[in-house]
Amino acid sequence: MTKIFAYLILAMMAVHLIRPLGLPGLRRRADFWKLAVIALGLIALAAAAGAN
């Protein structure tokens, strides 16, 4: 599951660098780092849920 999140967020970051997604908070190309922060959170949650 964490691999899926990682590949999905990497794809979103690549697309965002080419053309901004236009979502609230992601309107500029320089905002792609926010996707990385979201990815770290999702992967941490998935890892914590899988540890139980």
C-alpha atoms as a PDB file:
ATOM      1  CA  MET A   1       0.000   0.000   0.000  1.00  0.00           C
ATOM      2  CA  THR A   2       2.819   2.415   0.773  1.00  0.00           C
ATOM      3  CA  LYS A   3       4.333   1.781  -2.653  1.00  0.00           C
ATOM      4  CA  ILE A   4       1.054   2.751  -4.297  1.00  0.00           C
ATOM      5  CA  PHE A   5       0.965   6.014  -2.325  1.00  0.00           C
ATOM      6  CA  ALA A   6       4.586   6.738  -3.197  1.00  0.00           C
ATOM      7  CA  TYR A   7       4.137   6.177  -6.929  1.00  0.00           C
ATOM      8  CA  LEU A   8       0.864   8.098  -7.014  1.00  0.00           C
ATOM      9  CA  ILE A   9       2.335  11.126  -5.258  1.00  0.00           C
ATOM     10  CA  LEU A  10       5.479  11.019  -7.422  1.00  0.00           C
ATOM     11  CA  ALA A  11       3.295  11.034 -10.527  1.00  0.00           C
ATOM     12  CA  MET A  12       1.273  13.936  -9.143  1.00  0.00           C
ATOM     13  CA  MET A  13       4.463  15.867  -8.381  1.00  0.00           C
ATOM     14  CA  ALA A  14       5.763  15.326 -11.917  1.00  0.00           C
ATOM     15  CA  VAL A  15       2.480  16.466 -13.438  1.00  0.00           C
ATOM     16  CA  HIS A  16       2.362  19.451 -11.095  1.00  0.00           C
ATOM     17  CA  LEU A  17       5.824  20.586 -12.190  1.00  0.00           C
ATOM     18  CA  ILE A  18       4.713  20.504 -15.824  1.00  0.00           C
ATOM     19  CA  ARG A  19       1.293  22.064 -15.268  1.00  0.00           C
ATOM     20  CA  PRO A  20       0.005  23.108 -11.826  1.00  0.00           C
ATOM     21  CA  LEU A  21      -2.978  21.079 -10.647  1.00  0.00           C
ATOM     22  CA  GLY A  22      -5.016  24.136  -9.647  1.00  0.00           C
ATOM     23  CA  LEU A  23      -6.213  22.654  -6.372  1.00  0.00           C
ATOM     24  CA  PRO A  24      -6.469  24.981  -3.363  1.00  0.00           C
ATOM     25  CA  GLY A  25      -2.928  25.446  -2.073  1.00  0.00           C
ATOM     26  CA  LEU A  26      -1.410  23.957  -5.246  1.00  0.00           C
ATOM     27  CA  ARG A  27      -1.787  26.769  -7.735  1.00  0.00           C
ATOM     28  CA  ARG A  28       1.928  27.483  -8.356  1.00  0.00           C
ATOM     29  CA  ARG A  29       4.659  25.165  -9.622  1.00  0.00           C
ATOM     30  CA  ALA A  30       6.721  25.938  -6.535  1.00  0.00           C
ATOM     31  CA  ASP A  31       4.033  24.292  -4.372  1.00  0.00           C
ATOM     32  CA  PHE A  32       5.010  20.747  -5.393  1.00  0.00           C
ATOM     33  CA  TRP A  33       6.812  20.309  -2.059  1.00  0.00           C
ATOM     34  CA  LYS A  34       3.403  20.265  -0.345  1.00  0.00           C
ATOM     35  CA  LEU A  35       2.643  17.032  -2.193  1.00  0.00           C
ATOM     36  CA  ALA A  36       5.795  15.503  -0.685  1.00  0.00           C
ATOM     37  CA  VAL A  37       4.652  16.465   2.830  1.00  0.00           C
ATOM     38  CA  ILE A  38       1.251  14.896   2.163  1.00  0.00           C
ATOM     39  CA  ALA A  39       2.975  11.769   0.849  1.00  0.00           C
ATOM     40  CA  LEU A  40       5.094  11.413   3.980  1.00  0.00           C
ATOM     41  CA  GLY A  41       1.979  11.660   6.122  1.00  0.00           C
ATOM     42  CA  LEU A  42       0.040   9.107   4.082  1.00  0.00           C
ATOM     43  CA  ILE A  43       2.918   6.634   4.030  1.00  0.00           C
ATOM     44  CA  ALA A  44       3.402   7.024   7.797  1.00  0.00           C
ATOM     45  CA  LEU A  45      -0.313   6.383   8.377  1.00  0.00           C
ATOM     46  CA  ALA A  46      -0.299   3.341   6.099  1.00  0.00           C
ATOM     47  CA  ALA A  47       2.796   1.948   7.812  1.00  0.00           C
ATOM     48  CA  ALA A  48       1.277   2.516  11.256  1.00  0.00           C
ATOM     49  CA  ALA A  49      -1.981   0.851  10.210  1.00  0.00           C
ATOM     50  CA  GLY A  50      -0.100  -2.119   8.742  1.00  0.00           C
ATOM     51  CA  ALA A  51       1.994  -2.624  11.874  1.00  0.00           C
ATOM     52  CA  ASN A  52      -1.019  -3.684  13.946  1.00  0.00           C
END
